């Protein structure tokens, strides 16, 4: 039939189409675009804030700060080194540098640390007072008894000057040629015998020509005060003193006193003065008093 429309299958478009009057298939309609599906998730990249660079230091400022830090470290290191030096007896002790605590730091080669070029420690501004119990009849000629401000009493030779130093209390002649030294042993676990034995070991490694003459337990001198106690030890030693330019001999007594404290008393002088050195130590301990025995 002319002008009749009919449906035919279009192979190209793969669908049914209506034909026109001429029998030709109507032009294909463009396919509809596909519906949009789910868009894929794209994570946002976080924005990293830009940190402004610190302002540059003034010329030499950073370097100056660095050198200040280095200088401070050096100063601290030197201070620590000095503490180790004093606590290990490396300044040539005279018989009691037993790696002690600060209260028992070792003295110099002749028993004392030196003050510059004076050859002696500075005298203490606090002078000892004569003991009320002093009796001329009980003291050898040339001695007097003092109550020391450090908390004990003893007899010392006339004319010997008192000084207080880092290593204890000293009574000495000019230039420390002859001396007495008294200090507290603060190492609680160290017995008097161990104390003098350690002194001998240290001196043997430090002093030229060192000789341990004797090392004894329970060796308080005859006539020692009861305040000295029974827990005592004694070291007698000798060495070549570079300071005095002669052979030197000394004695160190270590003891647990009546007040419970451990003390060391050192007497030292030239070998030729040994009789006087020994007498000064024995006389000091014969008139020793501390704690309640001072009353």
C-alpha atoms as a PDB file:
ATOM      1  CA  UNK A   1       0.000   0.000   0.000  1.00  0.00           C
ATOM      2  CA  UNK A   2       1.213   3.409  -1.085  1.00  0.00           C
ATOM      3  CA  UNK A   3       2.003   5.652   1.865  1.00  0.00           C
ATOM      4  CA  UNK A   4       1.465   2.860   4.291  1.00  0.00           C
ATOM      5  CA  UNK A   5       3.906   2.773   7.116  1.00  0.00           C
ATOM      6  CA  UNK A   6       5.298  -0.501   8.415  1.00  0.00           C
ATOM      7  CA  UNK A   7       7.911  -1.716  10.901  1.00  0.00           C
ATOM      8  CA  UNK A   8      11.122  -3.296   9.695  1.00  0.00           C
ATOM      9  CA  UNK A   9      14.251  -4.604  11.516  1.00  0.00           C
ATOM     10  CA  UNK A  10      17.293  -2.416  11.010  1.00  0.00           C
ATOM     11  CA  UNK A  11      20.486  -4.521  11.060  1.00  0.00           C
ATOM     12  CA  UNK A  12      22.723  -1.524  11.608  1.00  0.00           C
ATOM     13  CA  UNK A  13      20.936  -0.167  14.610  1.00  0.00           C
ATOM     14  CA  UNK A  14      19.756  -3.565  15.781  1.00  0.00           C
ATOM     15  CA  UNK A  15      16.209  -2.399  16.435  1.00  0.00           C
ATOM     16  CA  UNK A  16      12.731  -2.180  14.880  1.00  0.00           C
ATOM     17  CA  UNK A  17      11.979   0.961  12.934  1.00  0.00           C
ATOM     18  CA  UNK A  18       8.994   2.451  11.119  1.00  0.00           C
ATOM     19  CA  UNK A  19       9.435   2.899   7.379  1.00  0.00           C
ATOM     20  CA  UNK A  20       8.186   5.879   5.391  1.00  0.00           C
ATOM     21  CA  UNK A  21       5.983   5.905   2.325  1.00  0.00           C
ATOM     22  CA  UNK A  22       8.953   5.102   0.087  1.00  0.00           C
ATOM     23  CA  UNK A  23       9.696   2.038   2.104  1.00  0.00           C
ATOM     24  CA  UNK A  24      13.023   3.415   3.291  1.00  0.00           C
ATOM     25  CA  UNK A  25      13.745   3.188   6.946  1.00  0.00           C
ATOM     26  CA  UNK A  26      13.600   6.409   8.841  1.00  0.00           C
ATOM     27  CA  UNK A  27      17.033   7.760   9.717  1.00  0.00           C
ATOM     28  CA  UNK A  28      18.212   6.316  12.990  1.00  0.00           C
ATOM     29  CA  UNK A  29      17.868   8.411  16.073  1.00  0.00           C
ATOM     30  CA  UNK A  30      21.082   9.051  17.848  1.00  0.00           C
ATOM     31  CA  UNK A  31      21.395   6.878  20.936  1.00  0.00           C
ATOM     32  CA  UNK A  32      20.703   8.522  24.217  1.00  0.00           C
ATOM     33  CA  UNK A  33      23.799   9.107  26.322  1.00  0.00           C
ATOM     34  CA  UNK A  34      24.162   6.679  29.211  1.00  0.00           C
ATOM     35  CA  UNK A  35      22.981   7.856  32.551  1.00  0.00           C
ATOM     36  CA  UNK A  36      25.850   8.918  34.734  1.00  0.00           C
ATOM     37  CA  UNK A  37      26.758   6.344  37.294  1.00  0.00           C
ATOM     38  CA  UNK A  38      28.540   6.810  40.684  1.00  0.00           C
ATOM     39  CA  UNK A  39      31.503   9.054  40.379  1.00  0.00           C
ATOM     40  CA  UNK A  40      34.660   7.440  41.846  1.00  0.00           C
ATOM     41  CA  UNK A  41      35.813   8.797  45.221  1.00  0.00           C
ATOM     42  CA  UNK A  42      38.973  10.822  44.968  1.00  0.00           C
ATOM     43  CA  UNK A  43      40.493  11.654  48.391  1.00  0.00           C
ATOM     44  CA  UNK A  44      41.527  15.178  48.927  1.00  0.00           C
ATOM     45  CA  UNK A  45      45.244  15.791  49.256  1.00  0.00           C
ATOM     46  CA  UNK A  46      45.820  17.646  52.519  1.00  0.00           C
ATOM     47  CA  UNK A  47      47.399  20.968  52.157  1.00  0.00           C
ATOM     48  CA  UNK A  48      50.713  21.179  53.993  1.00  0.00           C
ATOM     49  CA  UNK A  49      51.085  24.612  55.476  1.00  0.00           C
ATOM     50  CA  UNK A  50      54.245  26.389  54.581  1.00  0.00           C
ATOM     51  CA  UNK A  51      56.297  27.172  57.652  1.00  0.00           C
ATOM     52  CA  UNK A  52      58.320  30.294  57.188  1.00  0.00           C
ATOM     53  CA  UNK A  53      62.049  29.895  57.791  1.00  0.00           C
ATOM     54  CA  UNK A  54      63.315  31.472  61.007  1.00  0.00           C
ATOM     55  CA  UNK A  55      64.956  34.784  60.533  1.00  0.00           C
ATOM     56  CA  UNK A  56      68.686  34.467  59.992  1.00  0.00           C
ATOM     57  CA  UNK A  57      70.906  35.493  62.921  1.00  0.00           C
ATOM     58  CA  UNK A  58      72.842  38.648  62.866  1.00  0.00           C
ATOM     59  CA  UNK A  59      76.335  38.374  61.566  1.00  0.00           C
ATOM     60  CA  UNK A  60      78.286  36.067  63.851  1.00  0.00           C
ATOM     61  CA  UNK A  61      75.300  35.591  66.198  1.00  0.00           C
ATOM     62  CA  UNK A  62      74.864  31.842  65.632  1.00  0.00           C
ATOM     63  CA  UNK A  63      78.573  31.256  65.829  1.00  0.00           C
ATOM     64  CA  UNK A  64      78.829  33.291  69.015  1.00  0.00           C
ATOM     65  CA  UNK A  65      76.035  31.259  70.610  1.00  0.00           C
ATOM     66  CA  UNK A  66      77.785  28.019  69.609  1.00  0.00           C
ATOM     67  CA  UNK A  67      81.050  29.112  71.140  1.00  0.00           C
ATOM     68  CA  UNK A  68      79.251  30.114  74.335  1.00  0.00           C
ATOM     69  CA  UNK A  69      77.859  26.564  74.607  1.00  0.00           C
ATOM     70  CA  UNK A  70      81.289  25.046  73.940  1.00  0.00           C
ATOM     71  CA  UNK A  71      82.920  27.367  76.477  1.00  0.00           C
ATOM     72  CA  UNK A  72      80.348  26.428  79.128  1.00  0.00           C
ATOM     73  CA  UNK A  73      80.997  22.734  78.513  1.00  0.00           C
ATOM     74  CA  UNK A  74      84.732  23.265  78.846  1.00  0.00           C
ATOM     75  CA  UNK A  75      84.323  25.149  82.127  1.00  0.00           C
ATOM     76  CA  UNK A  76      82.114  22.406  83.547  1.00  0.00           C
ATOM     77  CA  UNK A  77      84.588  19.786  82.425  1.00  0.00           C
ATOM     78  CA  UNK A  78      87.468  21.565  84.115  1.00  0.00           C
ATOM     79  CA  UNK A  79      85.482  21.882  87.329  1.00  0.00           C
ATOM     80  CA  UNK A  80      84.694  18.181  87.323  1.00  0.00           C
ATOM     81  CA  UNK A  81      88.325  17.395  86.613  1.00  0.00           C
ATOM     82  CA  UNK A  82      89.424  19.481  89.590  1.00  0.00           C
ATOM     83  CA  UNK A  83      86.956  17.627  91.831  1.00  0.00           C
ATOM     84  CA  UNK A  84      88.357  14.287  90.665  1.00  0.00           C
ATOM     85  CA  UNK A  85      91.882  15.574  91.167  1.00  0.00           C
ATOM     86  CA  UNK A  86      91.195  16.512  94.784  1.00  0.00           C
ATOM     87  CA  UNK A  87      89.308  13.323  95.551  1.00  0.00           C
ATOM     88  CA  UNK A  88      91.891  10.916  94.151  1.00  0.00           C
ATOM     89  CA  UNK A  89      94.976  12.290  95.853  1.00  0.00           C
ATOM     90  CA  UNK A  90      96.728  13.486  92.695  1.00  0.00           C
ATOM     91  CA  UNK A  91      98.120  16.561  94.396  1.00  0.00           C
ATOM     92  CA  UNK A  92     100.849  14.596  96.212  1.00  0.00           C
ATOM     93  CA  UNK A  93      99.292  13.775  99.576  1.00  0.00           C
ATOM     94  CA  UNK A  94     101.222  13.219 102.780  1.00  0.00           C
ATOM     95  CA  UNK A  95      99.645  10.000 103.965  1.00  0.00           C
ATOM     96  CA  UNK A  96      95.858  10.294 103.885  1.00  0.00           C
ATOM     97  CA  UNK A  97      94.745  10.574 100.258  1.00  0.00           C
ATOM     98  CA  UNK A  98      92.533   7.464 100.294  1.00  0.00           C
ATOM     99  CA  UNK A  99      90.200   8.559  97.474  1.00  0.00           C
ATOM    100  CA  UNK A 100      88.446  10.503 100.241  1.00  0.00           C
ATOM    101  CA  UNK A 101      85.242  12.487 100.326  1.00  0.00           C
ATOM    102  CA  UNK A 102      85.288  16.275 100.249  1.00  0.00           C
ATOM    103  CA  UNK A 103      85.743  16.472 104.014  1.00  0.00           C
ATOM    104  CA  UNK A 104      88.930  14.391 103.806  1.00  0.00           C
ATOM    105  CA  UNK A 105      90.484  15.711 100.616  1.00  0.00           C
ATOM    106  CA  UNK A 106      94.219  15.027 100.394  1.00  0.00           C
ATOM    107  CA  UNK A 107      96.903  17.568 101.169  1.00  0.00           C
ATOM    108  CA  UNK A 108      99.920  18.509  99.106  1.00  0.00           C
ATOM    109  CA  UNK A 109     103.326  16.839  99.031  1.00  0.00           C
ATOM    110  CA  UNK A 110     104.242  17.921 102.558  1.00  0.00           C
ATOM    111  CA  UNK A 111     100.872  17.421 104.173  1.00  0.00           C
ATOM    112  CA  UNK A 112      99.159  20.656 103.130  1.00  0.00           C
ATOM    113  CA  UNK A 113      97.821  22.411 100.033  1.00  0.00           C
ATOM    114  CA  UNK A 114      99.828  25.525  99.249  1.00  0.00           C
ATOM    115  CA  UNK A 115      98.473  29.056  98.951  1.00  0.00           C
ATOM    116  CA  UNK A 116     100.297  30.516  95.966  1.00  0.00           C
ATOM    117  CA  UNK A 117     104.004  30.907  96.685  1.00  0.00           C
ATOM    118  CA  UNK A 118     103.736  31.455 100.405  1.00  0.00           C
ATOM    119  CA  UNK A 119     104.603  27.858 101.270  1.00  0.00           C
ATOM    120  CA  UNK A 120     101.773  27.583 103.774  1.00  0.00           C
ATOM    121  CA  UNK A 121      98.032  27.736 104.100  1.00  0.00           C
ATOM    122  CA  UNK A 122      96.422  30.940 105.262  1.00  0.00           C
ATOM    123  CA  UNK A 123      96.010  31.121 109.042  1.00  0.00           C
ATOM    124  CA  UNK A 124      92.485  30.758 110.279  1.00  0.00           C
ATOM    125  CA  UNK A 125      90.759  33.870 111.535  1.00  0.00           C
ATOM    126  CA  UNK A 126      89.325  31.767 114.372  1.00  0.00           C
ATOM    127  CA  UNK A 127      91.923  31.015 117.023  1.00  0.00           C
ATOM    128  CA  UNK A 128      91.767  28.105 119.479  1.00  0.00           C
ATOM    129  CA  UNK A 129      91.158  28.857 123.116  1.00  0.00           C
ATOM    130  CA  UNK A 130      93.189  27.462 126.018  1.00  0.00           C
ATOM    131  CA  UNK A 131      91.350  24.619 127.667  1.00  0.00           C
ATOM    132  CA  UNK A 132      89.939  25.369 131.152  1.00  0.00           C
ATOM    133  CA  UNK A 133      91.400  22.042 132.251  1.00  0.00           C
ATOM    134  CA  UNK A 134      94.905  22.968 131.123  1.00  0.00           C
ATOM    135  CA  UNK A 135      97.470  22.082 133.717  1.00  0.00           C
ATOM    136  CA  UNK A 136     101.129  22.994 133.286  1.00  0.00           C
ATOM    137  CA  UNK A 137     102.107  20.008 135.406  1.00  0.00           C
ATOM    138  CA  UNK A 138     100.658  17.466 132.934  1.00  0.00           C
ATOM    139  CA  UNK A 139     102.122  18.920 129.747  1.00  0.00           C
ATOM    140  CA  UNK A 140     105.712  18.560 128.532  1.00  0.00           C
ATOM    141  CA  UNK A 141     107.706  21.745 128.354  1.00  0.00           C
ATOM    142  CA  UNK A 142     107.065  23.623 125.149  1.00  0.00           C
ATOM    143  CA  UNK A 143     103.440  22.483 124.732  1.00  0.00           C
ATOM    144  CA  UNK A 144     100.071  23.978 125.528  1.00  0.00           C
ATOM    145  CA  UNK A 145      96.562  22.561 125.329  1.00  0.00           C
ATOM    146  CA  UNK A 146      93.891  24.119 123.119  1.00  0.00           C
ATOM    147  CA  UNK A 147      90.202  23.613 122.510  1.00  0.00           C
ATOM    148  CA  UNK A 148      90.048  23.775 118.754  1.00  0.00           C
ATOM    149  CA  UNK A 149      87.022  25.410 117.077  1.00  0.00           C
ATOM    150  CA  UNK A 150      86.622  22.205 115.038  1.00  0.00           C
ATOM    151  CA  UNK A 151      85.250  20.490 118.161  1.00  0.00           C
ATOM    152  CA  UNK A 152      88.116  18.754 119.901  1.00  0.00           C
ATOM    153  CA  UNK A 153      90.982  19.534 122.250  1.00  0.00           C
ATOM    154  CA  UNK A 154      94.639  18.529 122.029  1.00  0.00           C
ATOM    155  CA  UNK A 155      98.110  19.642 123.030  1.00  0.00           C
ATOM    156  CA  UNK A 156     100.274  21.409 120.452  1.00  0.00           C
ATOM    157  CA  UNK A 157     103.855  22.730 120.473  1.00  0.00           C
ATOM    158  CA  UNK A 158     104.302  26.356 121.475  1.00  0.00           C
ATOM    159  CA  UNK A 159     104.714  28.719 118.554  1.00  0.00           C
ATOM    160  CA  UNK A 160     103.118  26.478 115.953  1.00  0.00           C
ATOM    161  CA  UNK A 161     100.557  28.416 113.930  1.00  0.00           C
ATOM    162  CA  UNK A 162      97.038  27.128 113.376  1.00  0.00           C
ATOM    163  CA  UNK A 163      95.422  27.178 109.921  1.00  0.00           C
ATOM    164  CA  UNK A 164      92.209  25.760 108.548  1.00  0.00           C
ATOM    165  CA  UNK A 165      92.414  24.349 105.045  1.00  0.00           C
ATOM    166  CA  UNK A 166      90.415  22.127 102.735  1.00  0.00           C
ATOM    167  CA  UNK A 167      92.239  19.102 104.106  1.00  0.00           C
ATOM    168  CA  UNK A 168      91.690  19.749 107.801  1.00  0.00           C
ATOM    169  CA  UNK A 169      93.177  21.693 110.674  1.00  0.00           C
ATOM    170  CA  UNK A 170      96.950  22.260 110.825  1.00  0.00           C
ATOM    171  CA  UNK A 171      99.380  23.349 113.507  1.00  0.00           C
ATOM    172  CA  UNK A 172     102.734  23.949 111.838  1.00  0.00           C
ATOM    173  CA  UNK A 173     106.047  25.771 111.877  1.00  0.00           C
ATOM    174  CA  UNK A 174     106.828  28.365 109.232  1.00  0.00           C
ATOM    175  CA  UNK A 175     106.812  26.784 105.793  1.00  0.00           C
ATOM    176  CA  UNK A 176     105.261  23.601 107.240  1.00  0.00           C
ATOM    177  CA  UNK A 177     108.644  22.050 107.930  1.00  0.00           C
ATOM    178  CA  UNK A 178     107.116  20.408 111.000  1.00  0.00           C
ATOM    179  CA  UNK A 179     103.378  19.949 111.314  1.00  0.00           C
ATOM    180  CA  UNK A 180     100.366  18.342 112.905  1.00  0.00           C
ATOM    181  CA  UNK A 181      97.273  17.730 110.807  1.00  0.00           C
ATOM    182  CA  UNK A 182      93.860  16.632 112.066  1.00  0.00           C
ATOM    183  CA  UNK A 183      90.839  15.706 109.946  1.00  0.00           C
ATOM    184  CA  UNK A 184      87.685  13.605 110.100  1.00  0.00           C
ATOM    185  CA  UNK A 185      87.505  10.343 108.161  1.00  0.00           C
ATOM    186  CA  UNK A 186      84.067  10.566 106.586  1.00  0.00           C
ATOM    187  CA  UNK A 187      84.070   7.240 104.737  1.00  0.00           C
ATOM    188  CA  UNK A 188      81.758   5.365 107.088  1.00  0.00           C
ATOM    189  CA  UNK A 189      82.764   1.852 105.986  1.00  0.00           C
ATOM    190  CA  UNK A 190      86.499   2.487 106.345  1.00  0.00           C
ATOM    191  CA  UNK A 191      88.091   1.156 109.531  1.00  0.00           C
ATOM    192  CA  UNK A 192      91.082   2.969 111.052  1.00  0.00           C
ATOM    193  CA  UNK A 193      93.402   0.175 109.925  1.00  0.00           C
ATOM    194  CA  UNK A 194      92.033   0.248 106.365  1.00  0.00           C
ATOM    195  CA  UNK A 195      92.466   4.012 106.369  1.00  0.00           C
ATOM    196  CA  UNK A 196      96.175   3.976 107.180  1.00  0.00           C
ATOM    197  CA  UNK A 197      96.780   0.985 104.907  1.00  0.00           C
ATOM    198  CA  UNK A 198      95.227   2.891 102.011  1.00  0.00           C
ATOM    199  CA  UNK A 199      97.377   5.895 102.879  1.00  0.00           C
ATOM    200  CA  UNK A 200     100.469   3.742 102.570  1.00  0.00           C
ATOM    201  CA  UNK A 201      99.394   2.389  99.189  1.00  0.00           C
ATOM    202  CA  UNK A 202      98.710   5.876  97.848  1.00  0.00           C
ATOM    203  CA  UNK A 203     101.987   7.288  99.125  1.00  0.00           C
ATOM    204  CA  UNK A 204     103.874   4.358  97.614  1.00  0.00           C
ATOM    205  CA  UNK A 205     102.518   5.231  94.181  1.00  0.00           C
ATOM    206  CA  UNK A 206     103.072   8.992  94.531  1.00  0.00           C
ATOM    207  CA  UNK A 207     106.177   9.803  96.553  1.00  0.00           C
ATOM    208  CA  UNK A 208     109.765   9.112  95.498  1.00  0.00           C
ATOM    209  CA  UNK A 209     111.731   6.801  97.733  1.00  0.00           C
ATOM    210  CA  UNK A 210     108.632   5.838  99.728  1.00  0.00           C
ATOM    211  CA  UNK A 211     109.102   3.353 102.569  1.00  0.00           C
ATOM    212  CA  UNK A 212     106.433   1.863 104.820  1.00  0.00           C
ATOM    213  CA  UNK A 213     108.320   1.678 108.098  1.00  0.00           C
ATOM    214  CA  UNK A 214     105.481   0.037 110.060  1.00  0.00           C
ATOM    215  CA  UNK A 215     101.743  -0.570 109.859  1.00  0.00           C
ATOM    216  CA  UNK A 216      99.988  -1.664 113.064  1.00  0.00           C
ATOM    217  CA  UNK A 217      96.496  -2.287 114.444  1.00  0.00           C
ATOM    218  CA  UNK A 218      95.500  -1.146 117.915  1.00  0.00           C
ATOM    219  CA  UNK A 219      98.576   1.027 118.123  1.00  0.00           C
ATOM    220  CA  UNK A 220      97.522   4.038 120.152  1.00  0.00           C
ATOM    221  CA  UNK A 221     100.605   5.501 121.815  1.00  0.00           C
ATOM    222  CA  UNK A 222     101.228   4.737 125.455  1.00  0.00           C
ATOM    223  CA  UNK A 223      99.528   7.348 127.597  1.00  0.00           C
ATOM    224  CA  UNK A 224      96.898   8.219 124.986  1.00  0.00           C
ATOM    225  CA  UNK A 225      93.717   9.801 126.347  1.00  0.00           C
ATOM    226  CA  UNK A 226      90.750   7.445 126.890  1.00  0.00           C
ATOM    227  CA  UNK A 227      88.870   9.690 124.444  1.00  0.00           C
ATOM    228  CA  UNK A 228      91.049   8.283 121.655  1.00  0.00           C
ATOM    229  CA  UNK A 229      89.311   4.925 122.055  1.00  0.00           C
ATOM    230  CA  UNK A 230      90.556   1.398 121.431  1.00  0.00           C
ATOM    231  CA  UNK A 231      89.857   1.137 117.695  1.00  0.00           C
ATOM    232  CA  UNK A 232      93.160   2.593 116.497  1.00  0.00           C
ATOM    233  CA  UNK A 233      95.828   2.035 113.846  1.00  0.00           C
ATOM    234  CA  UNK A 234      99.220   3.570 113.082  1.00  0.00           C
ATOM    235  CA  UNK A 235     101.317   4.046 109.962  1.00  0.00           C
ATOM    236  CA  UNK A 236     104.963   5.166 110.085  1.00  0.00           C
ATOM    237  CA  UNK A 237     106.395   6.108 106.708  1.00  0.00           C
ATOM    238  CA  UNK A 238     109.262   7.953 105.037  1.00  0.00           C
ATOM    239  CA  UNK A 239     109.983   9.390 101.594  1.00  0.00           C
ATOM    240  CA  UNK A 240     112.163  11.919  99.787  1.00  0.00           C
ATOM    241  CA  UNK A 241     110.477  15.313 100.054  1.00  0.00           C
ATOM    242  CA  UNK A 242     110.973  17.420  96.949  1.00  0.00           C
ATOM    243  CA  UNK A 243     109.617  20.445  98.785  1.00  0.00           C
ATOM    244  CA  UNK A 244     112.020  20.227 101.711  1.00  0.00           C
ATOM    245  CA  UNK A 245     114.869  18.747  99.693  1.00  0.00           C
ATOM    246  CA  UNK A 246     115.459  16.102 102.375  1.00  0.00           C
ATOM    247  CA  UNK A 247     114.241  12.748 103.642  1.00  0.00           C
ATOM    248  CA  UNK A 248     110.961  13.114 105.495  1.00  0.00           C
ATOM    249  CA  UNK A 249     109.364  10.818 108.053  1.00  0.00           C
ATOM    250  CA  UNK A 250     105.830  10.907 109.392  1.00  0.00           C
ATOM    251  CA  UNK A 251     103.301   9.036 111.465  1.00  0.00           C
ATOM    252  CA  UNK A 252      99.553   8.822 110.948  1.00  0.00           C
ATOM    253  CA  UNK A 253      97.193   7.668 113.675  1.00  0.00           C
ATOM    254  CA  UNK A 254      93.613   6.781 112.725  1.00  0.00           C
ATOM    255  CA  UNK A 255      91.103   6.094 115.484  1.00  0.00           C
ATOM    256  CA  UNK A 256      87.434   5.974 116.411  1.00  0.00           C
ATOM    257  CA  UNK A 257      87.091   8.560 119.161  1.00  0.00           C
ATOM    258  CA  UNK A 258      84.756   8.534 122.121  1.00  0.00           C
ATOM    259  CA  UNK A 259      82.239  10.692 120.240  1.00  0.00           C
ATOM    260  CA  UNK A 260      81.918   7.992 117.546  1.00  0.00           C
ATOM    261  CA  UNK A 261      83.718   9.944 114.834  1.00  0.00           C
ATOM    262  CA  UNK A 262      86.763   8.596 113.035  1.00  0.00           C
ATOM    263  CA  UNK A 263      89.739  10.943 113.088  1.00  0.00           C
ATOM    264  CA  UNK A 264      93.204  10.934 111.597  1.00  0.00           C
ATOM    265  CA  UNK A 265      96.121  12.761 113.182  1.00  0.00           C
ATOM    266  CA  UNK A 266      99.296  13.149 111.128  1.00  0.00           C
ATOM    267  CA  UNK A 267     102.665  14.394 112.370  1.00  0.00           C
ATOM    268  CA  UNK A 268     105.464  14.888 109.856  1.00  0.00           C
ATOM    269  CA  UNK A 269     108.868  16.526 109.560  1.00  0.00           C
ATOM    270  CA  UNK A 270     112.425  15.948 108.358  1.00  0.00           C
ATOM    271  CA  UNK A 271     113.922  12.585 109.235  1.00  0.00           C
ATOM    272  CA  UNK A 272     116.463  14.324 111.447  1.00  0.00           C
ATOM    273  CA  UNK A 273     113.542  15.685 113.506  1.00  0.00           C
ATOM    274  CA  UNK A 274     111.885  12.280 113.952  1.00  0.00           C
ATOM    275  CA  UNK A 275     112.094  12.329 117.747  1.00  0.00           C
ATOM    276  CA  UNK A 276     110.237  15.652 117.848  1.00  0.00           C
ATOM    277  CA  UNK A 277     107.718  14.484 115.219  1.00  0.00           C
ATOM    278  CA  UNK A 278     106.858  11.359 117.214  1.00  0.00           C
ATOM    279  CA  UNK A 279     106.644  13.331 120.453  1.00  0.00           C
ATOM    280  CA  UNK A 280     104.263  15.900 118.943  1.00  0.00           C
ATOM    281  CA  UNK A 281     101.857  13.152 117.827  1.00  0.00           C
ATOM    282  CA  UNK A 282     101.977  11.288 121.128  1.00  0.00           C
ATOM    283  CA  UNK A 283     101.540  14.448 123.191  1.00  0.00           C
ATOM    284  CA  UNK A 284      98.597  15.577 121.058  1.00  0.00           C
ATOM    285  CA  UNK A 285      96.819  12.243 121.621  1.00  0.00           C
ATOM    286  CA  UNK A 286      97.677  12.163 125.318  1.00  0.00           C
ATOM    287  CA  UNK A 287      95.612  15.327 125.736  1.00  0.00           C
ATOM    288  CA  UNK A 288      92.942  14.534 123.152  1.00  0.00           C
ATOM    289  CA  UNK A 289      89.354  15.307 124.117  1.00  0.00           C
ATOM    290  CA  UNK A 290      86.137  15.495 122.154  1.00  0.00           C
ATOM    291  CA  UNK A 291      82.395  15.444 122.752  1.00  0.00           C
ATOM    292  CA  UNK A 292      81.424  15.005 126.407  1.00  0.00           C
ATOM    293  CA  UNK A 293      85.078  14.701 127.430  1.00  0.00           C
ATOM    294  CA  UNK A 294      85.532  18.393 126.612  1.00  0.00           C
ATOM    295  CA  UNK A 295      83.360  19.361 129.579  1.00  0.00           C
END
